[in-house]
Amino acid sequence: MSKLYVLLMLVMLGTQVNAQITITNATFPVLGDTLHFAFYTSPNILAFTPPGGNQSWDYSSLTADFAQQLIFKSPATGTASVAFPGATLLYVNNNLENYLSVTNQAVAFLGYYGADPIGIGFNVAASYNPPIVEKRAPINFLILIKYPRGFYCLLPCQIYRLRLLINSPSGPIP
């Protein structure tokens, strides 16, 4: 009988125990979801600790300075849905239409449509190439993944023509 206990103990010692969660695609946004955000802008009471397990944080004393909601809609309701044919979700944030592609493996940010980022006064459809992967599934604790980045911007014809005029080695292009 004692040999059975020893064998059982050896089997249990050889078994890896993993108590960390795995994030699955069940956490990905779907059409009609609403995300509620609360922002705290006075970081003087926050104390950050090194990453890793066995951590405990108590943020019960935090109060929101302002709040925001993101509602996930059909991309067909967006102004620039044709510029993002692979989009499966859309959310509007600060008058910018943000287009996402959601699959079983990832949530990818395809790009946005709205006012140009430097304030010239026209609307721009900006897409990322490759798309920015915001979330992957499955994800395990302390897994680090690097993503490549690229940016592609669709500008109005007048701006593109102006660029050709400025950069043309042979002078102005009619």
C-alpha atoms as a PDB file:
ATOM      1  CA  MET A   1       0.000   0.000   0.000  1.00  0.00           C
ATOM      2  CA  SER A   2       2.862   2.412   0.763  1.00  0.00           C
ATOM      3  CA  LYS A   3       4.268   1.783  -2.756  1.00  0.00           C
ATOM      4  CA  LEU A   4       0.987   3.045  -4.181  1.00  0.00           C
ATOM      5  CA  TYR A   5       1.254   6.274  -2.158  1.00  0.00           C
ATOM      6  CA  VAL A   6       4.847   6.815  -3.286  1.00  0.00           C
ATOM      7  CA  LEU A   7       3.860   6.245  -6.918  1.00  0.00           C
ATOM      8  CA  LEU A   8       0.940   8.635  -6.550  1.00  0.00           C
ATOM      9  CA  MET A   9       3.201  11.308  -5.011  1.00  0.00           C
ATOM     10  CA  LEU A  10       5.725  10.956  -7.866  1.00  0.00           C
ATOM     11  CA  VAL A  11       2.968  11.340 -10.458  1.00  0.00           C
ATOM     12  CA  MET A  12       1.637  14.452  -8.692  1.00  0.00           C
ATOM     13  CA  LEU A  13       5.108  16.009  -8.434  1.00  0.00           C
ATOM     14  CA  GLY A  14       5.653  15.525 -12.152  1.00  0.00           C
ATOM     15  CA  THR A  15       2.384  17.223 -13.074  1.00  0.00           C
ATOM     16  CA  GLN A  16       2.623  20.922 -13.880  1.00  0.00           C
ATOM     17  CA  VAL A  17       0.081  23.073 -12.120  1.00  0.00           C
ATOM     18  CA  ASN A  18      -0.932  26.251 -13.931  1.00  0.00           C
ATOM     19  CA  ALA A  19      -3.362  28.469 -12.070  1.00  0.00           C
ATOM     20  CA  GLN A  20      -3.266  31.473 -14.422  1.00  0.00           C
ATOM     21  CA  ILE A  21      -6.211  32.350 -16.593  1.00  0.00           C
ATOM     22  CA  THR A  22      -6.329  32.026 -20.370  1.00  0.00           C
ATOM     23  CA  ILE A  23      -8.139  34.800 -22.221  1.00  0.00           C
ATOM     24  CA  THR A  24     -10.238  33.420 -25.043  1.00  0.00           C
ATOM     25  CA  ASN A  25     -12.119  35.027 -27.925  1.00  0.00           C
ATOM     26  CA  ALA A  26     -15.241  35.109 -25.729  1.00  0.00           C
ATOM     27  CA  THR A  27     -13.927  38.505 -24.529  1.00  0.00           C
ATOM     28  CA  PHE A  28     -13.923  39.981 -28.057  1.00  0.00           C
ATOM     29  CA  PRO A  29     -16.498  42.697 -28.789  1.00  0.00           C
ATOM     30  CA  VAL A  30     -19.603  41.844 -30.806  1.00  0.00           C
ATOM     31  CA  LEU A  31     -22.222  43.947 -32.564  1.00  0.00           C
ATOM     32  CA  GLY A  32     -24.272  45.878 -29.998  1.00  0.00           C
ATOM     33  CA  ASP A  33     -21.735  45.695 -27.152  1.00  0.00           C
ATOM     34  CA  THR A  34     -21.068  48.842 -25.130  1.00  0.00           C
ATOM     35  CA  LEU A  35     -17.779  49.436 -23.335  1.00  0.00           C
ATOM     36  CA  HIS A  36     -17.898  51.807 -20.373  1.00  0.00           C
ATOM     37  CA  PHE A  37     -14.674  53.616 -19.461  1.00  0.00           C
ATOM     38  CA  ALA A  38     -13.924  55.703 -16.399  1.00  0.00           C
ATOM     39  CA  PHE A  39     -10.809  57.887 -16.513  1.00  0.00           C
ATOM     40  CA  TYR A  40      -8.755  58.952 -13.536  1.00  0.00           C
ATOM     41  CA  THR A  41      -6.350  61.773 -14.390  1.00  0.00           C
ATOM     42  CA  SER A  42      -4.621  62.420 -11.048  1.00  0.00           C
ATOM     43  CA  PRO A  43      -1.985  59.671 -10.783  1.00  0.00           C
ATOM     44  CA  ASN A  44      -0.391  60.956  -7.571  1.00  0.00           C
ATOM     45  CA  ILE A  45      -1.806  58.125  -5.415  1.00  0.00           C
ATOM     46  CA  LEU A  46      -0.951  55.213  -7.701  1.00  0.00           C
ATOM     47  CA  ALA A  47       1.931  52.950  -6.741  1.00  0.00           C
ATOM     48  CA  PHE A  48       3.141  50.584  -9.424  1.00  0.00           C
ATOM     49  CA  THR A  49       4.866  47.337  -8.578  1.00  0.00           C
ATOM     50  CA  PRO A  50       6.988  45.085 -10.780  1.00  0.00           C
ATOM     51  CA  PRO A  51       5.029  42.739 -13.069  1.00  0.00           C
ATOM     52  CA  GLY A  52       4.423  39.129 -12.146  1.00  0.00           C
ATOM     53  CA  GLY A  53       2.244  36.979  -9.994  1.00  0.00           C
ATOM     54  CA  ASN A  54       1.279  37.302  -6.334  1.00  0.00           C
ATOM     55  CA  GLN A  55       0.227  40.943  -6.741  1.00  0.00           C
ATOM     56  CA  SER A  56      -2.630  42.683  -5.021  1.00  0.00           C
ATOM     57  CA  TRP A  57      -3.938  46.168  -5.837  1.00  0.00           C
ATOM     58  CA  ASP A  58      -6.685  48.119  -4.129  1.00  0.00           C
ATOM     59  CA  TYR A  59      -8.139  50.845  -6.337  1.00  0.00           C
ATOM     60  CA  SER A  60     -11.336  51.262  -4.331  1.00  0.00           C
ATOM     61  CA  SER A  61     -10.448  54.893  -3.508  1.00  0.00           C
ATOM     62  CA  LEU A  62     -10.334  55.947  -7.173  1.00  0.00           C
ATOM     63  CA  THR A  63     -13.053  58.209  -8.505  1.00  0.00           C
ATOM     64  CA  ALA A  64     -13.624  58.885 -12.190  1.00  0.00           C
ATOM     65  CA  ASP A  65     -12.738  62.337 -13.508  1.00  0.00           C
ATOM     66  CA  PHE A  66     -14.762  61.626 -16.647  1.00  0.00           C
ATOM     67  CA  ALA A  67     -16.471  58.695 -18.342  1.00  0.00           C
ATOM     68  CA  GLN A  68     -16.860  57.485 -21.919  1.00  0.00           C
ATOM     69  CA  GLN A  69     -18.873  54.855 -23.772  1.00  0.00           C
ATOM     70  CA  LEU A  70     -17.938  53.001 -26.947  1.00  0.00           C
ATOM     71  CA  ILE A  71     -20.842  51.343 -28.745  1.00  0.00           C
ATOM     72  CA  PHE A  72     -19.976  48.725 -31.365  1.00  0.00           C
ATOM     73  CA  LYS A  73     -22.091  49.126 -34.504  1.00  0.00           C
ATOM     74  CA  SER A  74     -22.296  47.634 -37.965  1.00  0.00           C
ATOM     75  CA  PRO A  75     -19.594  49.083 -40.243  1.00  0.00           C
ATOM     76  CA  ALA A  76     -22.254  49.605 -42.936  1.00  0.00           C
ATOM     77  CA  THR A  77     -23.594  52.501 -40.828  1.00  0.00           C
ATOM     78  CA  GLY A  78     -20.288  54.366 -41.151  1.00  0.00           C
ATOM     79  CA  THR A  79     -19.518  57.118 -43.630  1.00  0.00           C
ATOM     80  CA  ALA A  80     -16.365  55.427 -44.966  1.00  0.00           C
ATOM     81  CA  SER A  81     -17.383  51.766 -44.857  1.00  0.00           C
ATOM     82  CA  VAL A  82     -16.271  51.293 -48.484  1.00  0.00           C
ATOM     83  CA  ALA A  83     -12.691  52.240 -47.519  1.00  0.00           C
ATOM     84  CA  PHE A  84     -12.616  49.353 -45.005  1.00  0.00           C
ATOM     85  CA  PRO A  85     -14.173  46.330 -46.777  1.00  0.00           C
ATOM     86  CA  GLY A  86     -12.867  43.824 -44.208  1.00  0.00           C
ATOM     87  CA  ALA A  87     -14.427  45.630 -41.248  1.00  0.00           C
ATOM     88  CA  THR A  88     -16.851  43.708 -39.061  1.00  0.00           C
ATOM     89  CA  LEU A  89     -17.359  46.364 -36.333  1.00  0.00           C
ATOM     90  CA  LEU A  90     -17.377  50.153 -36.080  1.00  0.00           C
ATOM     91  CA  TYR A  91     -17.223  52.471 -33.090  1.00  0.00           C
ATOM     92  CA  VAL A  92     -17.216  56.269 -33.027  1.00  0.00           C
ATOM     93  CA  ASN A  93     -14.821  58.045 -30.676  1.00  0.00           C
ATOM     94  CA  ASN A  94     -14.328  61.846 -30.718  1.00  0.00           C
ATOM     95  CA  ASN A  95     -16.075  62.081 -34.097  1.00  0.00           C
ATOM     96  CA  LEU A  96     -13.679  59.519 -35.605  1.00  0.00           C
ATOM     97  CA  GLU A  97     -15.104  56.341 -37.102  1.00  0.00           C
ATOM     98  CA  ASN A  98     -12.869  53.438 -36.040  1.00  0.00           C
ATOM     99  CA  TYR A  99     -13.104  50.240 -38.084  1.00  0.00           C
ATOM    100  CA  LEU A 100     -12.278  46.809 -36.625  1.00  0.00           C
ATOM    101  CA  SER A 101     -11.988  43.310 -38.009  1.00  0.00           C
ATOM    102  CA  VAL A 102     -12.925  40.605 -35.507  1.00  0.00           C
ATOM    103  CA  THR A 103     -12.033  36.955 -36.151  1.00  0.00           C
ATOM    104  CA  ASN A 104     -11.762  33.926 -33.856  1.00  0.00           C
ATOM    105  CA  GLN A 105      -8.050  34.648 -33.367  1.00  0.00           C
ATOM    106  CA  ALA A 106      -7.809  38.460 -33.149  1.00  0.00           C
ATOM    107  CA  VAL A 107      -9.380  41.896 -32.987  1.00  0.00           C
ATOM    108  CA  ALA A 108      -7.567  44.098 -35.508  1.00  0.00           C
ATOM    109  CA  PHE A 109      -7.815  47.876 -35.882  1.00  0.00           C
ATOM    110  CA  LEU A 110      -8.080  48.503 -39.631  1.00  0.00           C
ATOM    111  CA  GLY A 111      -8.110  52.292 -39.528  1.00  0.00           C
ATOM    112  CA  TYR A 112     -10.272  55.343 -39.032  1.00  0.00           C
ATOM    113  CA  TYR A 113     -12.207  58.016 -40.894  1.00  0.00           C
ATOM    114  CA  GLY A 114     -12.622  61.598 -39.757  1.00  0.00           C
ATOM    115  CA  ALA A 115     -10.889  64.934 -39.456  1.00  0.00           C
ATOM    116  CA  ASP A 116      -7.262  64.977 -40.556  1.00  0.00           C
ATOM    117  CA  PRO A 117      -4.808  64.636 -37.650  1.00  0.00           C
ATOM    118  CA  ILE A 118      -2.995  67.933 -38.323  1.00  0.00           C
ATOM    119  CA  GLY A 119      -6.120  70.089 -38.588  1.00  0.00           C
ATOM    120  CA  ILE A 120      -5.981  71.308 -42.200  1.00  0.00           C
ATOM    121  CA  GLY A 121      -9.742  70.898 -42.468  1.00  0.00           C
ATOM    122  CA  PHE A 122     -10.571  67.846 -44.568  1.00  0.00           C
ATOM    123  CA  ASN A 123     -11.674  64.324 -43.733  1.00  0.00           C
ATOM    124  CA  VAL A 124      -9.252  61.453 -44.192  1.00  0.00           C
ATOM    125  CA  ALA A 125      -9.575  57.673 -44.365  1.00  0.00           C
ATOM    126  CA  ALA A 126      -6.437  56.271 -42.758  1.00  0.00           C
ATOM    127  CA  SER A 127      -5.771  52.543 -42.772  1.00  0.00           C
ATOM    128  CA  TYR A 128      -3.026  50.538 -41.103  1.00  0.00           C
ATOM    129  CA  ASN A 129      -1.057  48.089 -43.198  1.00  0.00           C
ATOM    130  CA  PRO A 130      -0.849  45.568 -41.656  1.00  0.00           C
ATOM    131  CA  PRO A 131      -3.804  46.202 -39.325  1.00  0.00           C
ATOM    132  CA  ILE A 132      -2.985  46.810 -35.659  1.00  0.00           C
ATOM    133  CA  VAL A 133      -3.833  43.694 -33.661  1.00  0.00           C
ATOM    134  CA  GLU A 134      -5.438  44.976 -30.481  1.00  0.00           C
ATOM    135  CA  LYS A 135      -6.307  41.616 -28.950  1.00  0.00           C
ATOM    136  CA  ARG A 136      -5.389  37.996 -29.639  1.00  0.00           C
ATOM    137  CA  ALA A 137      -6.877  34.756 -28.450  1.00  0.00           C
ATOM    138  CA  PRO A 138      -5.984  32.591 -26.735  1.00  0.00           C
ATOM    139  CA  ILE A 139      -3.614  34.563 -24.521  1.00  0.00           C
ATOM    140  CA  ASN A 140      -1.875  33.220 -21.459  1.00  0.00           C
ATOM    141  CA  PHE A 141      -0.380  35.087 -18.507  1.00  0.00           C
ATOM    142  CA  LEU A 142       2.866  37.011 -19.257  1.00  0.00           C
ATOM    143  CA  ILE A 143       2.975  36.221 -22.980  1.00  0.00           C
ATOM    144  CA  LEU A 144       4.603  39.075 -24.925  1.00  0.00           C
ATOM    145  CA  ILE A 145       3.880  39.434 -28.652  1.00  0.00           C
ATOM    146  CA  LYS A 146       5.472  41.998 -31.000  1.00  0.00           C
ATOM    147  CA  TYR A 147       3.484  43.379 -33.928  1.00  0.00           C
ATOM    148  CA  PRO A 148       4.744  45.134 -37.073  1.00  0.00           C
ATOM    149  CA  ARG A 149       3.265  48.563 -37.896  1.00  0.00           C
ATOM    150  CA  GLY A 150       2.521  50.456 -41.107  1.00  0.00           C
ATOM    151  CA  PHE A 151       0.332  53.379 -42.090  1.00  0.00           C
ATOM    152  CA  TYR A 152      -1.518  54.208 -45.302  1.00  0.00           C
ATOM    153  CA  CYS A 153      -3.511  57.387 -45.748  1.00  0.00           C
ATOM    154  CA  LEU A 154      -6.132  58.232 -48.388  1.00  0.00           C
ATOM    155  CA  LEU A 155      -6.031  61.974 -48.973  1.00  0.00           C
ATOM    156  CA  PRO A 156      -8.278  64.147 -51.108  1.00  0.00           C
ATOM    157  CA  CYS A 157      -7.121  64.547 -54.717  1.00  0.00           C
ATOM    158  CA  GLN A 158      -6.090  68.187 -54.252  1.00  0.00           C
ATOM    159  CA  ILE A 159      -3.577  67.324 -51.527  1.00  0.00           C
ATOM    160  CA  TYR A 160      -2.131  64.465 -53.597  1.00  0.00           C
ATOM    161  CA  ARG A 161      -1.776  66.756 -56.627  1.00  0.00           C
ATOM    162  CA  LEU A 162      -0.068  69.384 -54.454  1.00  0.00           C
ATOM    163  CA  ARG A 163       2.426  66.754 -53.338  1.00  0.00           C
ATOM    164  CA  LEU A 164       3.141  65.850 -56.967  1.00  0.00           C
ATOM    165  CA  LEU A 165       3.746  69.520 -57.767  1.00  0.00           C
ATOM    166  CA  ILE A 166       6.163  69.918 -54.882  1.00  0.00           C
ATOM    167  CA  ASN A 167       8.072  66.655 -55.397  1.00  0.00           C
ATOM    168  CA  SER A 168       8.207  66.548 -59.200  1.00  0.00           C
ATOM    169  CA  PRO A 169      11.824  66.838 -60.477  1.00  0.00           C
ATOM    170  CA  SER A 170      10.673  68.207 -63.836  1.00  0.00           C
ATOM    171  CA  GLY A 171       8.482  70.986 -62.473  1.00  0.00           C
ATOM    172  CA  PRO A 172       4.725  71.385 -62.080  1.00  0.00           C
ATOM    173  CA  ILE A 173       2.393  68.667 -63.349  1.00  0.00           C
ATOM    174  CA  PRO A 174      -0.703  70.086 -65.093  1.00  0.00           C
END
